[in-house]
């Protein structure tokens, strides 16, 4: 069964994937973990990064990636990271962000803001200096000096299944 269908079944039964694994005995590759706080958090649109004190209504609720010091869950609603490398992030994915990690490191993906809004970009150094680069090259680089880092994207949750039509 494809992962998207397993996730849909777990949601229909109101189970986490770990609960489904325990109840069915089928190894889903889920290891027991200690989750942050209650273990789940509201998911907000990417634009909530602009107003973290008042993010507006949540659009979903998901389990939080373990180990985040200051978790923030945002929905990827842009195509700026859509591409073919390991940094690619599909629109509709949920970004698990650690707001405690704001020191840029080469090759890491961050949520940031600038005068044009909220963005998800890969930090890299070019011959012109450090920039935040979109995977989708139709979007321009953002000079690191013009950006405010909200946090590092630690993991990405998606229900994308390339086998579905």
N, C-alpha and C. Protein backbone atom coordinates (compact mmCIF):
# COMPACT_ATOMS: atom_id res chain seq x y z
N UNK A 1 0.85 -1.17 0.00
CA UNK A 1 0.00 0.00 0.00
C UNK A 1 0.90 1.24 0.00
N UNK A 2 0.58 2.24 -0.80
CA UNK A 2 1.37 3.46 -0.89
C UNK A 2 1.24 4.27 0.40
N UNK A 3 2.28 5.02 0.71
CA UNK A 3 2.31 5.80 1.94
C UNK A 3 1.12 6.75 2.04
N UNK A 4 0.75 7.36 0.95
CA UNK A 4 -0.40 8.28 0.96
C UNK A 4 -1.67 7.60 1.41
N UNK A 5 -1.84 6.37 0.99
CA UNK A 5 -3.04 5.62 1.38
C UNK A 5 -2.97 5.18 2.84
N UNK A 6 -1.79 4.83 3.30
CA UNK A 6 -1.62 4.45 4.70
C UNK A 6 -1.94 5.65 5.59
N UNK A 7 -1.44 6.82 5.22
CA UNK A 7 -1.72 8.04 5.98
C UNK A 7 -3.21 8.35 5.96
N UNK A 8 -3.86 8.21 4.81
CA UNK A 8 -5.30 8.47 4.71
C UNK A 8 -6.09 7.51 5.58
N UNK A 9 -5.70 6.25 5.60
CA UNK A 9 -6.38 5.26 6.44
C UNK A 9 -6.20 5.59 7.92
N UNK A 10 -4.99 5.95 8.31
CA UNK A 10 -4.73 6.32 9.71
C UNK A 10 -5.58 7.53 10.11
N UNK A 11 -5.67 8.52 9.23
CA UNK A 11 -6.50 9.70 9.52
C UNK A 11 -7.96 9.31 9.64
N UNK A 12 -8.45 8.44 8.76
CA UNK A 12 -9.85 8.01 8.80
C UNK A 12 -10.16 7.29 10.11
N UNK A 13 -9.19 6.57 10.63
CA UNK A 13 -9.37 5.85 11.90
C UNK A 13 -9.04 6.73 13.11
N UNK A 14 -8.61 7.97 12.82
CA UNK A 14 -8.21 8.92 13.87
C UNK A 14 -7.03 8.37 14.68
N UNK A 15 -6.09 7.73 13.97
CA UNK A 15 -4.89 7.16 14.57
C UNK A 15 -3.66 7.88 14.05
N UNK A 16 -2.61 7.92 14.86
CA UNK A 16 -1.30 8.33 14.36
C UNK A 16 -0.73 7.12 13.63
N UNK A 17 0.32 7.32 12.85
CA UNK A 17 0.95 6.19 12.16
C UNK A 17 1.54 5.21 13.18
N UNK A 18 2.07 5.74 14.29
CA UNK A 18 2.61 4.86 15.33
C UNK A 18 1.50 4.01 15.94
N UNK A 19 0.31 4.60 16.17
CA UNK A 19 -0.82 3.85 16.71
C UNK A 19 -1.26 2.77 15.72
N UNK A 20 -1.25 3.11 14.44
CA UNK A 20 -1.65 2.15 13.42
C UNK A 20 -0.66 0.97 13.39
N UNK A 21 0.61 1.29 13.49
CA UNK A 21 1.63 0.25 13.51
C UNK A 21 1.44 -0.68 14.71
N UNK A 22 1.20 -0.09 15.89
CA UNK A 22 0.99 -0.91 17.09
C UNK A 22 -0.27 -1.76 16.98
N UNK A 23 -1.36 -1.17 16.47
CA UNK A 23 -2.65 -1.87 16.41
C UNK A 23 -2.66 -3.00 15.38
N UNK A 24 -1.98 -2.80 14.24
CA UNK A 24 -2.02 -3.80 13.17
C UNK A 24 -0.85 -4.77 13.20
N UNK A 25 0.23 -4.36 13.85
CA UNK A 25 1.43 -5.20 13.86
C UNK A 25 2.22 -5.11 12.57
N UNK A 26 1.77 -4.28 11.63
CA UNK A 26 2.49 -4.09 10.37
C UNK A 26 3.60 -3.08 10.60
N UNK A 27 4.83 -3.43 10.24
CA UNK A 27 5.97 -2.54 10.42
C UNK A 27 5.93 -1.42 9.38
N UNK A 28 5.62 -0.22 9.84
CA UNK A 28 5.58 0.95 8.95
C UNK A 28 6.89 1.73 9.01
N UNK A 29 7.85 1.22 9.75
CA UNK A 29 9.13 1.92 9.88
C UNK A 29 9.07 3.06 10.87
N UNK A 30 8.03 3.07 11.71
CA UNK A 30 7.86 4.13 12.70
C UNK A 30 8.48 3.66 14.01
N UNK A 31 9.41 4.43 14.56
CA UNK A 31 9.97 4.08 15.85
C UNK A 31 9.32 4.96 16.91
N UNK A 32 9.07 4.42 18.10
CA UNK A 32 8.49 5.24 19.16
C UNK A 32 9.38 6.42 19.47
N UNK A 33 8.79 7.59 19.61
CA UNK A 33 9.55 8.80 19.88
C UNK A 33 8.87 9.61 20.96
N UNK A 34 9.64 10.47 21.59
CA UNK A 34 9.08 11.42 22.53
C UNK A 34 8.87 12.72 21.77
N UNK A 35 7.66 13.19 21.73
CA UNK A 35 7.34 14.37 20.94
C UNK A 35 7.37 15.63 21.80
N UNK A 36 7.53 16.77 21.14
CA UNK A 36 7.57 18.05 21.82
C UNK A 36 6.19 18.38 22.37
N UNK A 37 6.12 18.81 23.61
CA UNK A 37 4.85 19.21 24.21
C UNK A 37 3.82 18.12 24.09
N UNK A 38 2.65 18.44 23.59
CA UNK A 38 1.59 17.46 23.39
C UNK A 38 1.88 16.56 22.20
N UNK A 39 2.86 16.93 21.41
CA UNK A 39 3.22 16.11 20.27
C UNK A 39 2.61 16.56 18.96
N UNK A 40 1.75 17.56 18.99
CA UNK A 40 1.17 18.05 17.76
C UNK A 40 1.05 19.57 17.82
N UNK A 41 0.86 20.16 16.66
CA UNK A 41 0.77 21.62 16.58
C UNK A 41 -0.10 22.02 15.40
N UNK A 42 -0.58 23.25 15.45
CA UNK A 42 -1.34 23.80 14.33
C UNK A 42 -0.39 24.08 13.17
N UNK A 43 -0.92 23.94 11.96
CA UNK A 43 -0.19 24.25 10.74
C UNK A 43 -0.78 25.54 10.18
N UNK A 44 0.08 26.49 9.84
CA UNK A 44 -0.35 27.78 9.32
C UNK A 44 0.15 27.97 7.89
N UNK A 45 -0.47 28.88 7.14
CA UNK A 45 0.05 29.18 5.80
C UNK A 45 1.43 29.80 5.91
N UNK A 46 2.23 29.71 4.86
CA UNK A 46 3.58 30.26 4.86
C UNK A 46 3.58 31.74 5.22
N UNK A 47 2.56 32.47 4.82
CA UNK A 47 2.51 33.91 5.10
C UNK A 47 2.43 34.21 6.60
N UNK A 48 2.11 33.22 7.42
CA UNK A 48 2.08 33.43 8.87
C UNK A 48 3.47 33.77 9.40
N UNK A 49 4.52 33.45 8.64
CA UNK A 49 5.88 33.79 9.04
C UNK A 49 6.08 35.31 9.12
N UNK A 50 5.21 36.05 8.46
CA UNK A 50 5.30 37.51 8.49
C UNK A 50 4.75 38.10 9.79
N UNK A 51 3.83 37.37 10.44
CA UNK A 51 3.19 37.86 11.66
C UNK A 51 3.11 36.74 12.69
N UNK A 52 4.24 36.30 13.19
CA UNK A 52 4.28 35.15 14.09
C UNK A 52 3.51 35.38 15.39
N UNK A 53 3.39 36.63 15.83
CA UNK A 53 2.64 36.91 17.05
C UNK A 53 1.14 36.73 16.86
N UNK A 54 0.68 36.87 15.62
CA UNK A 54 -0.73 36.72 15.30
C UNK A 54 -0.85 36.03 13.94
N UNK A 55 -0.62 34.69 13.89
CA UNK A 55 -0.54 34.00 12.61
C UNK A 55 -1.85 33.80 11.88
N UNK A 56 -2.98 34.10 12.54
CA UNK A 56 -4.27 33.88 11.90
C UNK A 56 -4.75 32.46 12.14
N UNK A 57 -5.81 32.07 11.45
CA UNK A 57 -6.38 30.73 11.68
C UNK A 57 -5.49 29.62 11.15
N UNK A 58 -5.44 28.53 11.89
CA UNK A 58 -4.69 27.35 11.46
C UNK A 58 -5.43 26.69 10.30
N UNK A 59 -4.67 26.02 9.42
CA UNK A 59 -5.28 25.33 8.29
C UNK A 59 -5.23 23.82 8.45
N UNK A 60 -4.52 23.34 9.48
CA UNK A 60 -4.41 21.91 9.72
C UNK A 60 -3.78 21.71 11.10
N UNK A 61 -3.62 20.46 11.47
CA UNK A 61 -3.00 20.11 12.75
C UNK A 61 -2.23 18.81 12.52
N UNK A 62 -0.94 18.78 12.89
CA UNK A 62 -0.11 17.61 12.62
C UNK A 62 0.80 17.30 13.79
N UNK A 63 1.33 16.09 13.79
CA UNK A 63 2.37 15.72 14.74
C UNK A 63 3.62 16.53 14.45
N UNK A 64 4.35 16.86 15.51
CA UNK A 64 5.57 17.67 15.37
C UNK A 64 6.78 16.76 15.32
N UNK A 65 7.73 17.09 14.46
CA UNK A 65 8.99 16.35 14.40
C UNK A 65 9.68 16.43 15.76
N UNK A 66 10.07 15.30 16.32
CA UNK A 66 10.74 15.31 17.63
C UNK A 66 12.04 16.10 17.61
N UNK A 67 12.36 16.71 18.73
CA UNK A 67 13.64 17.39 18.90
C UNK A 67 13.66 18.85 18.53
N UNK A 68 12.57 19.40 18.03
CA UNK A 68 12.56 20.82 17.69
C UNK A 68 12.49 21.64 18.99
N UNK A 69 13.37 22.61 19.12
CA UNK A 69 13.38 23.43 20.33
C UNK A 69 12.23 24.44 20.33
N UNK A 70 12.00 25.07 19.18
CA UNK A 70 10.90 26.04 19.03
C UNK A 70 10.17 25.72 17.74
N UNK A 71 9.24 24.74 17.79
CA UNK A 71 8.59 24.28 16.56
C UNK A 71 7.61 25.29 15.96
N UNK A 72 7.57 25.29 14.65
CA UNK A 72 6.60 26.07 13.88
C UNK A 72 6.28 25.24 12.65
N UNK A 73 4.99 25.00 12.40
CA UNK A 73 4.57 24.22 11.24
C UNK A 73 3.88 25.14 10.25
N UNK A 74 4.42 25.18 9.02
CA UNK A 74 3.88 26.03 7.97
C UNK A 74 3.61 25.20 6.73
N UNK A 75 2.57 25.57 5.98
CA UNK A 75 2.23 24.90 4.73
C UNK A 75 2.95 25.59 3.59
N UNK A 76 3.65 24.82 2.78
CA UNK A 76 4.34 25.35 1.61
C UNK A 76 3.29 25.70 0.57
N UNK A 77 3.14 26.99 0.28
CA UNK A 77 2.11 27.41 -0.67
C UNK A 77 2.72 28.16 -1.85
N UNK A 78 3.96 27.84 -2.14
CA UNK A 78 4.64 28.48 -3.25
C UNK A 78 5.40 27.41 -4.04
N UNK A 79 5.76 27.73 -5.26
CA UNK A 79 6.53 26.80 -6.10
C UNK A 79 8.01 27.13 -6.11
N UNK A 80 8.46 28.03 -5.21
CA UNK A 80 9.85 28.47 -5.26
C UNK A 80 10.87 27.37 -4.94
N UNK A 81 10.44 26.30 -4.26
CA UNK A 81 11.38 25.21 -3.97
C UNK A 81 11.05 23.94 -4.76
N UNK A 82 10.20 24.05 -5.76
CA UNK A 82 9.84 22.92 -6.60
C UNK A 82 10.95 22.68 -7.62
N UNK A 83 11.55 21.49 -7.57
CA UNK A 83 12.64 21.19 -8.48
C UNK A 83 12.94 19.71 -8.50
N UNK A 84 14.18 19.37 -8.80
CA UNK A 84 14.54 17.97 -8.96
C UNK A 84 15.65 17.51 -8.00
N UNK A 85 16.22 18.39 -7.19
CA UNK A 85 17.27 17.98 -6.27
C UNK A 85 16.67 17.59 -4.93
N UNK A 86 17.51 17.18 -4.00
CA UNK A 86 17.04 16.78 -2.67
C UNK A 86 16.47 17.96 -1.88
N UNK A 87 16.72 19.19 -2.31
CA UNK A 87 16.16 20.36 -1.64
C UNK A 87 14.75 20.69 -2.12
N UNK A 88 14.25 19.97 -3.09
CA UNK A 88 12.93 20.24 -3.66
C UNK A 88 11.82 20.01 -2.63
N UNK A 89 10.88 20.95 -2.59
CA UNK A 89 9.72 20.85 -1.70
C UNK A 89 8.48 21.17 -2.53
N UNK A 90 7.52 20.25 -2.52
CA UNK A 90 6.30 20.41 -3.30
C UNK A 90 5.31 21.33 -2.59
N UNK A 91 4.57 22.15 -3.34
CA UNK A 91 3.49 22.93 -2.73
C UNK A 91 2.50 22.00 -2.03
N UNK A 92 1.99 22.42 -0.89
CA UNK A 92 1.07 21.61 -0.11
C UNK A 92 1.76 20.82 1.00
N UNK A 93 3.09 20.73 0.94
CA UNK A 93 3.84 20.03 1.98
C UNK A 93 3.82 20.85 3.27
N UNK A 94 3.97 20.16 4.40
CA UNK A 94 4.06 20.84 5.68
C UNK A 94 5.52 20.92 6.09
N UNK A 95 5.97 22.14 6.38
CA UNK A 95 7.34 22.39 6.78
C UNK A 95 7.43 22.37 8.30
N UNK A 96 8.33 21.56 8.84
CA UNK A 96 8.57 21.52 10.27
C UNK A 96 9.83 22.37 10.51
N UNK A 97 9.63 23.51 11.15
CA UNK A 97 10.68 24.51 11.29
C UNK A 97 11.09 24.63 12.74
N UNK A 98 12.41 24.75 12.97
CA UNK A 98 12.91 25.03 14.30
C UNK A 98 13.30 26.50 14.34
N UNK A 99 12.49 27.29 15.05
CA UNK A 99 12.75 28.73 15.15
C UNK A 99 13.99 29.04 15.99
N UNK A 100 14.51 28.05 16.72
CA UNK A 100 15.72 28.25 17.51
C UNK A 100 16.98 28.18 16.64
N UNK A 101 16.85 27.71 15.40
CA UNK A 101 17.98 27.55 14.51
C UNK A 101 17.94 28.62 13.43
N UNK A 102 18.58 29.75 13.69
CA UNK A 102 18.54 30.87 12.75
C UNK A 102 19.92 31.28 12.24
N UNK A 103 20.93 30.47 12.51
CA UNK A 103 22.27 30.76 11.99
C UNK A 103 22.43 29.98 10.69
N UNK A 104 22.55 30.69 9.56
CA UNK A 104 22.57 29.99 8.27
C UNK A 104 23.81 29.12 8.10
N UNK A 105 23.57 27.92 7.55
CA UNK A 105 24.64 26.98 7.21
C UNK A 105 24.49 26.60 5.75
N UNK A 106 25.60 26.49 5.09
CA UNK A 106 25.63 26.11 3.67
C UNK A 106 24.81 24.84 3.44
N UNK A 107 23.93 24.88 2.43
CA UNK A 107 23.18 23.71 2.03
C UNK A 107 21.94 23.42 2.87
N UNK A 108 21.61 24.27 3.82
CA UNK A 108 20.41 24.07 4.65
C UNK A 108 19.28 24.94 4.11
N UNK A 109 18.03 24.49 4.35
CA UNK A 109 16.85 25.22 3.87
C UNK A 109 16.22 25.98 5.04
N UNK A 110 15.84 27.22 4.78
CA UNK A 110 15.30 28.10 5.82
C UNK A 110 14.00 28.76 5.36
N UNK A 111 13.17 29.11 6.34
CA UNK A 111 12.04 30.00 6.09
C UNK A 111 12.56 31.39 6.47
N UNK A 112 12.33 32.34 5.59
CA UNK A 112 12.82 33.69 5.83
C UNK A 112 11.82 34.70 5.32
N UNK A 113 12.01 35.93 5.74
CA UNK A 113 11.18 37.03 5.25
C UNK A 113 12.08 38.12 4.70
N UNK A 114 11.53 38.87 3.77
CA UNK A 114 12.18 40.06 3.25
C UNK A 114 11.08 41.05 2.87
N UNK A 115 11.43 42.10 2.18
CA UNK A 115 10.44 43.13 1.83
C UNK A 115 9.34 42.60 0.92
N UNK A 116 9.56 41.45 0.26
CA UNK A 116 8.57 40.89 -0.65
C UNK A 116 7.68 39.83 -0.03
N UNK A 117 7.95 39.43 1.23
CA UNK A 117 7.10 38.44 1.87
C UNK A 117 7.87 37.32 2.54
N UNK A 118 7.20 36.18 2.68
CA UNK A 118 7.79 35.00 3.29
C UNK A 118 8.27 34.05 2.20
N UNK A 119 9.40 33.40 2.45
CA UNK A 119 10.02 32.53 1.44
C UNK A 119 10.60 31.28 2.10
N UNK A 120 10.83 30.27 1.28
CA UNK A 120 11.56 29.07 1.68
C UNK A 120 12.72 28.96 0.70
N UNK A 121 13.93 28.96 1.24
CA UNK A 121 15.10 28.99 0.35
C UNK A 121 16.27 28.22 0.94
N UNK A 122 17.16 27.82 0.06
CA UNK A 122 18.40 27.14 0.40
C UNK A 122 19.51 28.18 0.56
N UNK A 123 20.25 28.09 1.67
CA UNK A 123 21.35 29.02 1.90
C UNK A 123 22.59 28.52 1.18
N UNK A 124 23.22 29.39 0.41
CA UNK A 124 24.44 29.03 -0.31
C UNK A 124 25.30 30.27 -0.51
N UNK A 125 26.56 30.05 -0.80
CA UNK A 125 27.48 31.15 -1.06
C UNK A 125 27.81 31.16 -2.54
N UNK A 126 27.67 32.32 -3.14
CA UNK A 126 27.99 32.49 -4.56
C UNK A 126 29.21 33.39 -4.67
N UNK A 127 29.66 33.62 -5.88
CA UNK A 127 30.81 34.52 -6.07
C UNK A 127 30.47 35.95 -5.66
N UNK A 128 29.17 36.26 -5.59
CA UNK A 128 28.74 37.60 -5.17
C UNK A 128 28.42 37.67 -3.68
N UNK A 129 28.57 36.55 -2.98
CA UNK A 129 28.32 36.52 -1.54
C UNK A 129 27.21 35.55 -1.18
N UNK A 130 26.87 35.49 0.12
CA UNK A 130 25.84 34.54 0.57
C UNK A 130 24.44 34.97 0.13
N UNK A 131 23.67 33.96 -0.32
CA UNK A 131 22.30 34.21 -0.78
C UNK A 131 21.39 33.08 -0.32
N UNK A 132 20.10 33.34 -0.40
CA UNK A 132 19.09 32.31 -0.22
C UNK A 132 18.54 32.03 -1.62
N UNK A 133 18.70 30.79 -2.06
CA UNK A 133 18.40 30.42 -3.44
C UNK A 133 17.17 29.53 -3.52
N UNK A 134 16.30 29.84 -4.47
CA UNK A 134 15.13 29.00 -4.75
C UNK A 134 15.56 27.81 -5.58
N UNK A 135 14.96 26.67 -5.32
CA UNK A 135 15.20 25.48 -6.15
C UNK A 135 14.66 25.74 -7.56
N UNK A 136 13.51 26.40 -7.65
CA UNK A 136 12.90 26.78 -8.92
C UNK A 136 13.61 28.05 -9.38
N UNK A 137 14.45 27.94 -10.38
CA UNK A 137 15.31 29.06 -10.78
C UNK A 137 14.57 30.20 -11.47
N UNK A 138 13.25 30.13 -11.60
CA UNK A 138 12.50 31.29 -12.10
C UNK A 138 12.38 32.35 -11.01
N UNK A 139 12.71 31.98 -9.77
CA UNK A 139 12.71 32.93 -8.65
C UNK A 139 14.14 33.43 -8.42
N UNK A 140 14.27 34.72 -8.15
CA UNK A 140 15.59 35.32 -7.95
C UNK A 140 16.18 34.97 -6.59
N UNK A 141 17.52 35.00 -6.52
CA UNK A 141 18.21 34.83 -5.25
C UNK A 141 17.88 36.01 -4.34
N UNK A 142 17.89 35.75 -3.04
CA UNK A 142 17.71 36.81 -2.05
C UNK A 142 19.04 36.97 -1.32
N UNK A 143 19.67 38.14 -1.40
CA UNK A 143 20.92 38.34 -0.67
C UNK A 143 20.69 38.11 0.83
N UNK A 144 21.61 37.40 1.47
CA UNK A 144 21.46 37.08 2.90
C UNK A 144 21.32 38.34 3.75
N UNK A 145 21.93 39.42 3.32
CA UNK A 145 21.87 40.67 4.09
C UNK A 145 20.48 41.31 4.06
N UNK A 146 19.63 40.88 3.13
CA UNK A 146 18.29 41.46 3.00
C UNK A 146 17.20 40.58 3.59
N UNK A 147 17.59 39.48 4.25
CA UNK A 147 16.61 38.51 4.75
C UNK A 147 16.66 38.40 6.27
N UNK A 148 15.51 38.08 6.84
CA UNK A 148 15.40 37.75 8.26
C UNK A 148 15.02 36.28 8.35
N UNK A 149 15.85 35.49 8.99
CA UNK A 149 15.59 34.06 9.10
C UNK A 149 14.59 33.80 10.21
N UNK A 150 13.53 33.07 9.88
CA UNK A 150 12.51 32.67 10.86
C UNK A 150 12.94 31.37 11.53
N UNK A 151 13.53 30.45 10.77
CA UNK A 151 14.02 29.19 11.31
C UNK A 151 14.40 28.24 10.20
N UNK A 152 15.06 27.14 10.60
CA UNK A 152 15.52 26.14 9.64
C UNK A 152 14.45 25.09 9.43
N UNK A 153 14.26 24.68 8.18
CA UNK A 153 13.35 23.59 7.87
C UNK A 153 14.06 22.29 8.25
N UNK A 154 13.51 21.60 9.26
CA UNK A 154 14.13 20.39 9.79
C UNK A 154 13.59 19.16 9.07
N UNK A 155 12.30 19.17 8.75
CA UNK A 155 11.72 18.06 8.00
C UNK A 155 10.52 18.56 7.22
N UNK A 156 10.11 17.76 6.26
CA UNK A 156 8.99 18.10 5.39
C UNK A 156 8.05 16.91 5.35
N UNK A 157 6.77 17.17 5.60
CA UNK A 157 5.75 16.11 5.52
C UNK A 157 4.89 16.37 4.29
N UNK A 158 4.68 15.31 3.52
CA UNK A 158 3.87 15.44 2.31
C UNK A 158 3.08 14.17 2.09
N UNK A 159 1.95 14.31 1.43
CA UNK A 159 1.18 13.11 1.07
C UNK A 159 1.31 12.85 -0.43
N UNK A 160 2.30 13.47 -1.06
CA UNK A 160 2.52 13.28 -2.50
C UNK A 160 2.88 11.83 -2.78
N UNK A 161 2.24 11.26 -3.76
CA UNK A 161 2.53 9.90 -4.20
C UNK A 161 2.72 9.94 -5.71
N UNK A 162 3.95 9.74 -6.19
CA UNK A 162 4.20 9.84 -7.62
C UNK A 162 3.49 8.75 -8.42
N UNK A 163 2.96 7.72 -7.76
CA UNK A 163 2.28 6.63 -8.47
C UNK A 163 0.81 6.89 -8.71
N UNK A 164 0.26 7.95 -8.08
CA UNK A 164 -1.15 8.27 -8.30
C UNK A 164 -1.29 9.16 -9.51
N UNK A 165 -2.34 8.99 -10.24
CA UNK A 165 -2.60 9.83 -11.42
C UNK A 165 -3.45 11.01 -11.07
